[in-house]
Amino acid sequence: HRELEPILSLKQNKKDEFLKTLYTFLGNGGNLQQTMQDLNLSMSGLVYRIQKIEELLNRNLRDSKNSFELILLLESLIVLGEIEVE
């Protein structure tokens, strides 16, 4: 919770939007094109969200160590039923 608190404390719609974006982006190995298609977003909209998530979490999502840690955190919270990513 501590690592994702900046996102988890947002209003519900923003929280859901950012969690889904983060989960999809990490699941696609940081591939912007695939994530853009999966989320049905424009490139500029996706880049804005990624930058905002990086600012909130104070992490570089393109760093493999950060990506691994975050996907592990997300998967753990999903399994525990604490978050849902639709």
PDB file of N, CA and C in Angstrom:
ATOM      1  N   HIS A   1       0.817  -1.196   0.000  1.00  0.00           N
ATOM      2  CA  HIS A   1       0.000   0.000   0.000  1.00  0.00           C
ATOM      3  C   HIS A   1       0.860   1.258   0.000  1.00  0.00           C
ATOM      4  N   ARG A   2       1.930   1.220   0.772  1.00  0.00           N
ATOM      5  CA  ARG A   2       2.771   2.408   0.913  1.00  0.00           C
ATOM      6  C   ARG A   2       3.311   2.879  -0.436  1.00  0.00           C
ATOM      7  N   GLU A   3       3.783   1.956  -1.242  1.00  0.00           N
ATOM      8  CA  GLU A   3       4.378   2.310  -2.538  1.00  0.00           C
ATOM      9  C   GLU A   3       3.347   2.898  -3.505  1.00  0.00           C
ATOM     10  N   LEU A   4       2.126   2.382  -3.462  1.00  0.00           N
ATOM     11  CA  LEU A   4       1.083   2.819  -4.398  1.00  0.00           C
ATOM     12  C   LEU A   4       0.136   3.842  -3.795  1.00  0.00           C
ATOM     13  N   GLU A   5       0.382   4.275  -2.563  1.00  0.00           N
ATOM     14  CA  GLU A   5      -0.502   5.200  -1.856  1.00  0.00           C
ATOM     15  C   GLU A   5      -0.830   6.465  -2.643  1.00  0.00           C
ATOM     16  N   PRO A   6       0.138   7.071  -3.341  1.00  0.00           N
ATOM     17  CA  PRO A   6      -0.213   8.276  -4.098  1.00  0.00           C
ATOM     18  C   PRO A   6      -1.322   8.041  -5.137  1.00  0.00           C
ATOM     19  N   ILE A   7      -1.401   6.843  -5.664  1.00  0.00           N
ATOM     20  CA  ILE A   7      -2.476   6.520  -6.618  1.00  0.00           C
ATOM     21  C   ILE A   7      -3.716   6.052  -5.868  1.00  0.00           C
ATOM     22  N   LEU A   8      -3.536   5.210  -4.866  1.00  0.00           N
ATOM     23  CA  LEU A   8      -4.663   4.648  -4.128  1.00  0.00           C
ATOM     24  C   LEU A   8      -5.464   5.706  -3.376  1.00  0.00           C
ATOM     25  N   SER A   9      -4.851   6.852  -3.086  1.00  0.00           N
ATOM     26  CA  SER A   9      -5.540   7.909  -2.345  1.00  0.00           C
ATOM     27  C   SER A   9      -6.293   8.883  -3.258  1.00  0.00           C
ATOM     28  N   LEU A  10      -6.201   8.692  -4.566  1.00  0.00           N
ATOM     29  CA  LEU A  10      -6.910   9.571  -5.505  1.00  0.00           C
ATOM     30  C   LEU A  10      -8.404   9.266  -5.495  1.00  0.00           C
ATOM     31  N   LYS A  11      -9.180  10.187  -6.083  1.00  0.00           N
ATOM     32  CA  LYS A  11     -10.607   9.939  -6.256  1.00  0.00           C
ATOM     33  C   LYS A  11     -10.784   8.661  -7.068  1.00  0.00           C
ATOM     34  N   GLN A  12     -11.890   7.971  -6.843  1.00  0.00           N
ATOM     35  CA  GLN A  12     -12.107   6.637  -7.405  1.00  0.00           C
ATOM     36  C   GLN A  12     -11.875   6.566  -8.916  1.00  0.00           C
ATOM     37  N   ASN A  13     -12.420   7.510  -9.681  1.00  0.00           N
ATOM     38  CA  ASN A  13     -12.277   7.416 -11.139  1.00  0.00           C
ATOM     39  C   ASN A  13     -10.827   7.604 -11.591  1.00  0.00           C
ATOM     40  N   LYS A  14     -10.109   8.525 -10.947  1.00  0.00           N
ATOM     41  CA  LYS A  14      -8.688   8.726 -11.294  1.00  0.00           C
ATOM     42  C   LYS A  14      -7.860   7.525 -10.844  1.00  0.00           C
ATOM     43  N   LYS A  15      -8.156   7.026  -9.668  1.00  0.00           N
ATOM     44  CA  LYS A  15      -7.449   5.854  -9.141  1.00  0.00           C
ATOM     45  C   LYS A  15      -7.603   4.674 -10.105  1.00  0.00           C
ATOM     46  N   ASP A  16      -8.832   4.397 -10.518  1.00  0.00           N
ATOM     47  CA  ASP A  16      -9.086   3.292 -11.445  1.00  0.00           C
ATOM     48  C   ASP A  16      -8.370   3.503 -12.775  1.00  0.00           C
ATOM     49  N   GLU A  17      -8.435   4.728 -13.275  1.00  0.00           N
ATOM     50  CA  GLU A  17      -7.802   5.072 -14.554  1.00  0.00           C
ATOM     51  C   GLU A  17      -6.295   4.856 -14.493  1.00  0.00           C
ATOM     52  N   PHE A  18      -5.661   5.351 -13.436  1.00  0.00           N
ATOM     53  CA  PHE A  18      -4.212   5.236 -13.312  1.00  0.00           C
ATOM     54  C   PHE A  18      -3.771   3.798 -13.032  1.00  0.00           C
ATOM     55  N   LEU A  19      -4.521   3.074 -12.209  1.00  0.00           N
ATOM     56  CA  LEU A  19      -4.166   1.677 -11.944  1.00  0.00           C
ATOM     57  C   LEU A  19      -4.266   0.836 -13.206  1.00  0.00           C
ATOM     58  N   LYS A  20      -5.321   1.037 -13.977  1.00  0.00           N
ATOM     59  CA  LYS A  20      -5.487   0.277 -15.219  1.00  0.00           C
ATOM     60  C   LYS A  20      -4.373   0.627 -16.206  1.00  0.00           C
ATOM     61  N   THR A  21      -4.060   1.912 -16.308  1.00  0.00           N
ATOM     62  CA  THR A  21      -2.983   2.344 -17.207  1.00  0.00           C
ATOM     63  C   THR A  21      -1.654   1.737 -16.776  1.00  0.00           C
ATOM     64  N   LEU A  22      -1.351   1.822 -15.504  1.00  0.00           N
ATOM     65  CA  LEU A  22      -0.091   1.287 -14.980  1.00  0.00           C
ATOM     66  C   LEU A  22      -0.013  -0.220 -15.205  1.00  0.00           C
ATOM     67  N   TYR A  23      -1.068  -0.929 -14.872  1.00  0.00           N
ATOM     68  CA  TYR A  23      -1.098  -2.387 -15.006  1.00  0.00           C
ATOM     69  C   TYR A  23      -0.939  -2.806 -16.474  1.00  0.00           C
ATOM     70  N   THR A  24      -1.636  -2.140 -17.350  1.00  0.00           N
ATOM     71  CA  THR A  24      -1.572  -2.473 -18.779  1.00  0.00           C
ATOM     72  C   THR A  24      -0.198  -2.143 -19.351  1.00  0.00           C
ATOM     73  N   PHE A  25       0.326  -0.975 -19.010  1.00  0.00           N
ATOM     74  CA  PHE A  25       1.645  -0.542 -19.487  1.00  0.00           C
ATOM     75  C   PHE A  25       2.727  -1.528 -19.035  1.00  0.00           C
ATOM     76  N   LEU A  26       2.705  -1.893 -17.764  1.00  0.00           N
ATOM     77  CA  LEU A  26       3.703  -2.826 -17.246  1.00  0.00           C
ATOM     78  C   LEU A  26       3.512  -4.214 -17.842  1.00  0.00           C
ATOM     79  N   GLY A  27       2.269  -4.631 -17.996  1.00  0.00           N
ATOM     80  CA  GLY A  27       1.971  -5.930 -18.588  1.00  0.00           C
ATOM     81  C   GLY A  27       2.427  -6.039 -20.028  1.00  0.00           C
ATOM     82  N   ASN A  28       2.472  -4.902 -20.713  1.00  0.00           N
ATOM     83  CA  ASN A  28       2.938  -4.859 -22.097  1.00  0.00           C
ATOM     84  C   ASN A  28       4.436  -4.588 -22.185  1.00  0.00           C
ATOM     85  N   GLY A  29       5.126  -4.691 -21.074  1.00  0.00           N
ATOM     86  CA  GLY A  29       6.577  -4.490 -21.075  1.00  0.00           C
ATOM     87  C   GLY A  29       6.992  -3.085 -21.434  1.00  0.00           C
ATOM     88  N   GLY A  30       6.127  -2.109 -21.149  1.00  0.00           N
ATOM     89  CA  GLY A  30       6.442  -0.723 -21.447  1.00  0.00           C
ATOM     90  C   GLY A  30       6.223  -0.334 -22.897  1.00  0.00           C
ATOM     91  N   ASN A  31       5.556  -1.180 -23.651  1.00  0.00           N
ATOM     92  CA  ASN A  31       5.286  -0.898 -25.065  1.00  0.00           C
ATOM     93  C   ASN A  31       4.139   0.108 -25.165  1.00  0.00           C
ATOM     94  N   LEU A  32       4.471   1.339 -25.550  1.00  0.00           N
ATOM     95  CA  LEU A  32       3.465   2.399 -25.632  1.00  0.00           C
ATOM     96  C   LEU A  32       2.409   2.111 -26.701  1.00  0.00           C
ATOM     97  N   GLN A  33       2.834   1.634 -27.837  1.00  0.00           N
ATOM     98  CA  GLN A  33       1.909   1.366 -28.947  1.00  0.00           C
ATOM     99  C   GLN A  33       0.857   0.337 -28.555  1.00  0.00           C
ATOM    100  N   GLN A  34       1.294  -0.765 -27.957  1.00  0.00           N
ATOM    101  CA  GLN A  34       0.361  -1.817 -27.554  1.00  0.00           C
ATOM    102  C   GLN A  34      -0.567  -1.325 -26.442  1.00  0.00           C
ATOM    103  N   THR A  35      -0.013  -0.593 -25.495  1.00  0.00           N
ATOM    104  CA  THR A  35      -0.816  -0.056 -24.386  1.00  0.00           C
ATOM    105  C   THR A  35      -1.847   0.925 -24.907  1.00  0.00           C
ATOM    106  N   MET A  36      -1.444   1.749 -25.848  1.00  0.00           N
ATOM    107  CA  MET A  36      -2.350   2.715 -26.462  1.00  0.00           C
ATOM    108  C   MET A  36      -3.536   1.987 -27.097  1.00  0.00           C
ATOM    109  N   GLN A  37      -3.265   0.914 -27.798  1.00  0.00           N
ATOM    110  CA  GLN A  37      -4.326   0.136 -28.436  1.00  0.00           C
ATOM    111  C   GLN A  37      -5.203  -0.570 -27.401  1.00  0.00           C
ATOM    112  N   ASP A  38      -4.583  -1.173 -26.406  1.00  0.00           N
ATOM    113  CA  ASP A  38      -5.330  -1.902 -25.377  1.00  0.00           C
ATOM    114  C   ASP A  38      -6.275  -0.988 -24.605  1.00  0.00           C
ATOM    115  N   LEU A  39      -5.827   0.242 -24.339  1.00  0.00           N
ATOM    116  CA  LEU A  39      -6.627   1.177 -23.554  1.00  0.00           C
ATOM    117  C   LEU A  39      -7.485   2.096 -24.425  1.00  0.00           C
ATOM    118  N   ASN A  40      -7.297   1.993 -25.739  1.00  0.00           N
ATOM    119  CA  ASN A  40      -8.031   2.846 -26.676  1.00  0.00           C
ATOM    120  C   ASN A  40      -7.803   4.331 -26.364  1.00  0.00           C
ATOM    121  N   LEU A  41      -6.531   4.683 -26.230  1.00  0.00           N
ATOM    122  CA  LEU A  41      -6.117   6.050 -25.924  1.00  0.00           C
ATOM    123  C   LEU A  41      -5.271   6.609 -27.053  1.00  0.00           C
ATOM    124  N   SER A  42      -5.231   7.925 -27.120  1.00  0.00           N
ATOM    125  CA  SER A  42      -4.287   8.562 -28.045  1.00  0.00           C
ATOM    126  C   SER A  42      -2.893   8.474 -27.429  1.00  0.00           C
ATOM    127  N   MET A  43      -1.885   8.619 -28.241  1.00  0.00           N
ATOM    128  CA  MET A  43      -0.508   8.566 -27.737  1.00  0.00           C
ATOM    129  C   MET A  43      -0.270   9.689 -26.731  1.00  0.00           C
ATOM    130  N   SER A  44      -0.754  10.879 -27.035  1.00  0.00           N
ATOM    131  CA  SER A  44      -0.533  12.001 -26.115  1.00  0.00           C
ATOM    132  C   SER A  44      -1.249  11.768 -24.787  1.00  0.00           C
ATOM    133  N   GLY A  45      -2.446  11.173 -24.813  1.00  0.00           N
ATOM    134  CA  GLY A  45      -3.167  10.865 -23.588  1.00  0.00           C
ATOM    135  C   GLY A  45      -2.440   9.830 -22.755  1.00  0.00           C
ATOM    136  N   LEU A  46      -1.901   8.817 -23.414  1.00  0.00           N
ATOM    137  CA  LEU A  46      -1.159   7.768 -22.714  1.00  0.00           C
ATOM    138  C   LEU A  46       0.128   8.317 -22.121  1.00  0.00           C
ATOM    139  N   VAL A  47       0.862   9.094 -22.895  1.00  0.00           N
ATOM    140  CA  VAL A  47       2.121   9.671 -22.404  1.00  0.00           C
ATOM    141  C   VAL A  47       1.853  10.574 -21.199  1.00  0.00           C
ATOM    142  N   TYR A  48       0.763  11.342 -21.254  1.00  0.00           N
ATOM    143  CA  TYR A  48       0.391  12.195 -20.119  1.00  0.00           C
ATOM    144  C   TYR A  48       0.153  11.338 -18.872  1.00  0.00           C
ATOM    145  N   ARG A  49      -0.615  10.262 -19.021  1.00  0.00           N
ATOM    146  CA  ARG A  49      -0.908   9.393 -17.873  1.00  0.00           C
ATOM    147  C   ARG A  49       0.357   8.759 -17.306  1.00  0.00           C
ATOM    148  N   ILE A  50       1.222   8.275 -18.197  1.00  0.00           N
ATOM    149  CA  ILE A  50       2.471   7.642 -17.747  1.00  0.00           C
ATOM    150  C   ILE A  50       3.318   8.656 -16.978  1.00  0.00           C
ATOM    151  N   GLN A  51       3.435   9.865 -17.502  1.00  0.00           N
ATOM    152  CA  GLN A  51       4.217  10.902 -16.821  1.00  0.00           C
ATOM    153  C   GLN A  51       3.615  11.234 -15.457  1.00  0.00           C
ATOM    154  N   LYS A  52       2.299  11.320 -15.403  1.00  0.00           N
ATOM    155  CA  LYS A  52       1.613  11.640 -14.149  1.00  0.00           C
ATOM    156  C   LYS A  52       1.835  10.518 -13.127  1.00  0.00           C
ATOM    157  N   ILE A  53       1.744   9.276 -13.570  1.00  0.00           N
ATOM    158  CA  ILE A  53       1.983   8.131 -12.679  1.00  0.00           C
ATOM    159  C   ILE A  53       3.427   8.151 -12.177  1.00  0.00           C
ATOM    160  N   GLU A  54       4.373   8.439 -13.062  1.00  0.00           N
ATOM    161  CA  GLU A  54       5.782   8.505 -12.660  1.00  0.00           C
ATOM    162  C   GLU A  54       5.988   9.598 -11.616  1.00  0.00           C
ATOM    163  N   GLU A  55       5.322  10.732 -11.792  1.00  0.00           N
ATOM    164  CA  GLU A  55       5.420  11.828 -10.821  1.00  0.00           C
ATOM    165  C   GLU A  55       4.824  11.421  -9.477  1.00  0.00           C
ATOM    166  N   LEU A  56       3.641  10.815  -9.521  1.00  0.00           N
ATOM    167  CA  LEU A  56       2.965  10.415  -8.286  1.00  0.00           C
ATOM    168  C   LEU A  56       3.779   9.390  -7.501  1.00  0.00           C
ATOM    169  N   LEU A  57       4.336   8.413  -8.200  1.00  0.00           N
ATOM    170  CA  LEU A  57       5.080   7.338  -7.547  1.00  0.00           C
ATOM    171  C   LEU A  57       6.559   7.660  -7.361  1.00  0.00           C
ATOM    172  N   ASN A  58       7.003   8.728  -7.998  1.00  0.00           N
ATOM    173  CA  ASN A  58       8.416   9.124  -7.963  1.00  0.00           C
ATOM    174  C   ASN A  58       9.302   7.967  -8.428  1.00  0.00           C
ATOM    175  N   ARG A  59       8.885   7.351  -9.553  1.00  0.00           N
ATOM    176  CA  ARG A  59       9.624   6.225 -10.134  1.00  0.00           C
ATOM    177  C   ARG A  59       9.643   6.350 -11.646  1.00  0.00           C
ATOM    178  N   ASN A  60      10.702   5.819 -12.236  1.00  0.00           N
ATOM    179  CA  ASN A  60      10.805   5.747 -13.683  1.00  0.00           C
ATOM    180  C   ASN A  60      10.229   4.395 -14.121  1.00  0.00           C
ATOM    181  N   LEU A  61       9.105   4.410 -14.815  1.00  0.00           N
ATOM    182  CA  LEU A  61       8.444   3.171 -15.214  1.00  0.00           C
ATOM    183  C   LEU A  61       9.200   2.423 -16.299  1.00  0.00           C
ATOM    184  N   ARG A  62      10.170   3.058 -16.916  1.00  0.00           N
ATOM    185  CA  ARG A  62      10.941   2.397 -17.966  1.00  0.00           C
ATOM    186  C   ARG A  62      12.155   1.661 -17.402  1.00  0.00           C
ATOM    187  N   ASP A  63      12.385   1.827 -16.106  1.00  0.00           N
ATOM    188  CA  ASP A  63      13.451   1.109 -15.423  1.00  0.00           C
ATOM    189  C   ASP A  63      12.951  -0.293 -15.095  1.00  0.00           C
ATOM    190  N   SER A  64      13.684  -1.314 -15.512  1.00  0.00           N
ATOM    191  CA  SER A  64      13.208  -2.694 -15.367  1.00  0.00           C
ATOM    192  C   SER A  64      13.001  -3.095 -13.899  1.00  0.00           C
ATOM    193  N   LYS A  65      13.852  -2.630 -13.004  1.00  0.00           N
ATOM    194  CA  LYS A  65      13.695  -2.961 -11.580  1.00  0.00           C
ATOM    195  C   LYS A  65      12.399  -2.365 -11.044  1.00  0.00           C
ATOM    196  N   ASN A  66      12.146  -1.108 -11.367  1.00  0.00           N
ATOM    197  CA  ASN A  66      10.907  -0.459 -10.937  1.00  0.00           C
ATOM    198  C   ASN A  66       9.691  -1.164 -11.525  1.00  0.00           C
ATOM    199  N   SER A  67       9.767  -1.498 -12.792  1.00  0.00           N
ATOM    200  CA  SER A  67       8.645  -2.166 -13.457  1.00  0.00           C
ATOM    201  C   SER A  67       8.336  -3.498 -12.790  1.00  0.00           C
ATOM    202  N   PHE A  68       9.367  -4.265 -12.506  1.00  0.00           N
ATOM    203  CA  PHE A  68       9.178  -5.564 -11.873  1.00  0.00           C
ATOM    204  C   PHE A  68       8.551  -5.415 -10.488  1.00  0.00           C
ATOM    205  N   GLU A  69       9.077  -4.491  -9.703  1.00  0.00           N
ATOM    206  CA  GLU A  69       8.540  -4.275  -8.356  1.00  0.00           C
ATOM    207  C   GLU A  69       7.076  -3.844  -8.404  1.00  0.00           C
ATOM    208  N   LEU A  70       6.751  -2.943  -9.322  1.00  0.00           N
ATOM    209  CA  LEU A  70       5.380  -2.435  -9.399  1.00  0.00           C
ATOM    210  C   LEU A  70       4.393  -3.484  -9.893  1.00  0.00           C
ATOM    211  N   ILE A  71       4.784  -4.286 -10.872  1.00  0.00           N
ATOM    212  CA  ILE A  71       3.857  -5.310 -11.359  1.00  0.00           C
ATOM    213  C   ILE A  71       3.650  -6.354 -10.268  1.00  0.00           C
ATOM    214  N   LEU A  72       4.689  -6.663  -9.508  1.00  0.00           N
ATOM    215  CA  LEU A  72       4.565  -7.595  -8.388  1.00  0.00           C
ATOM    216  C   LEU A  72       3.625  -7.031  -7.315  1.00  0.00           C
ATOM    217  N   LEU A  73       3.766  -5.757  -7.009  1.00  0.00           N
ATOM    218  CA  LEU A  73       2.873  -5.109  -6.041  1.00  0.00           C
ATOM    219  C   LEU A  73       1.427  -5.135  -6.523  1.00  0.00           C
ATOM    220  N   LEU A  74       1.215  -4.787  -7.785  1.00  0.00           N
ATOM    221  CA  LEU A  74      -0.142  -4.775  -8.335  1.00  0.00           C
ATOM    222  C   LEU A  74      -0.761  -6.162  -8.312  1.00  0.00           C
ATOM    223  N   GLU A  75      -0.005  -7.155  -8.761  1.00  0.00           N
ATOM    224  CA  GLU A  75      -0.510  -8.530  -8.782  1.00  0.00           C
ATOM    225  C   GLU A  75      -0.846  -9.010  -7.372  1.00  0.00           C
ATOM    226  N   SER A  76      -0.015  -8.653  -6.407  1.00  0.00           N
ATOM    227  CA  SER A  76      -0.268  -9.044  -5.015  1.00  0.00           C
ATOM    228  C   SER A  76      -1.559  -8.426  -4.501  1.00  0.00           C
ATOM    229  N   LEU A  77      -1.762  -7.149  -4.758  1.00  0.00           N
ATOM    230  CA  LEU A  77      -2.980  -6.480  -4.299  1.00  0.00           C
ATOM    231  C   LEU A  77      -4.221  -7.021  -5.002  1.00  0.00           C
ATOM    232  N   ILE A  78      -4.074  -7.418  -6.250  1.00  0.00           N
ATOM    233  CA  ILE A  78      -5.195  -8.015  -6.987  1.00  0.00           C
ATOM    234  C   ILE A  78      -5.554  -9.361  -6.367  1.00  0.00           C
ATOM    235  N   VAL A  79      -4.544 -10.201  -6.126  1.00  0.00           N
ATOM    236  CA  VAL A  79      -4.765 -11.517  -5.534  1.00  0.00           C
ATOM    237  C   VAL A  79      -5.396 -11.399  -4.149  1.00  0.00           C
ATOM    238  N   LEU A  80      -4.966 -10.411  -3.369  1.00  0.00           N
ATOM    239  CA  LEU A  80      -5.510 -10.209  -2.036  1.00  0.00           C
ATOM    240  C   LEU A  80      -6.907  -9.584  -2.072  1.00  0.00           C
ATOM    241  N   GLY A  81      -7.348  -9.168  -3.256  1.00  0.00           N
ATOM    242  CA  GLY A  81      -8.665  -8.569  -3.406  1.00  0.00           C
ATOM    243  C   GLY A  81      -8.748  -7.119  -2.946  1.00  0.00           C
ATOM    244  N   GLU A  82      -7.597  -6.484  -2.820  1.00  0.00           N
ATOM    245  CA  GLU A  82      -7.578  -5.100  -2.348  1.00  0.00           C
ATOM    246  C   GLU A  82      -7.761  -4.084  -3.461  1.00  0.00           C
ATOM    247  N   ILE A  83      -7.440  -4.468  -4.686  1.00  0.00           N
ATOM    248  CA  ILE A  83      -7.706  -3.607  -5.839  1.00  0.00           C
ATOM    249  C   ILE A  83      -8.269  -4.473  -6.962  1.00  0.00           C
ATOM    250  N   GLU A  84      -8.941  -3.802  -7.874  1.00  0.00           N
ATOM    251  CA  GLU A  84      -9.422  -4.451  -9.092  1.00  0.00           C
ATOM    252  C   GLU A  84      -8.914  -3.652 -10.276  1.00  0.00           C
ATOM    253  N   VAL A  85      -8.461  -4.358 -11.278  1.00  0.00           N
ATOM    254  CA  VAL A  85      -8.032  -3.709 -12.518  1.00  0.00           C
ATOM    255  C   VAL A  85      -8.860  -4.319 -13.618  1.00  0.00           C
ATOM    256  N   GLU A  86      -9.771  -3.524 -14.152  1.00  0.00           N
ATOM    257  CA  GLU A  86     -10.700  -4.045 -15.177  1.00  0.00           C
ATOM    258  C   GLU A  86     -10.128  -3.885 -16.558  1.00  0.00           C
TER     259      GLU A  86
END
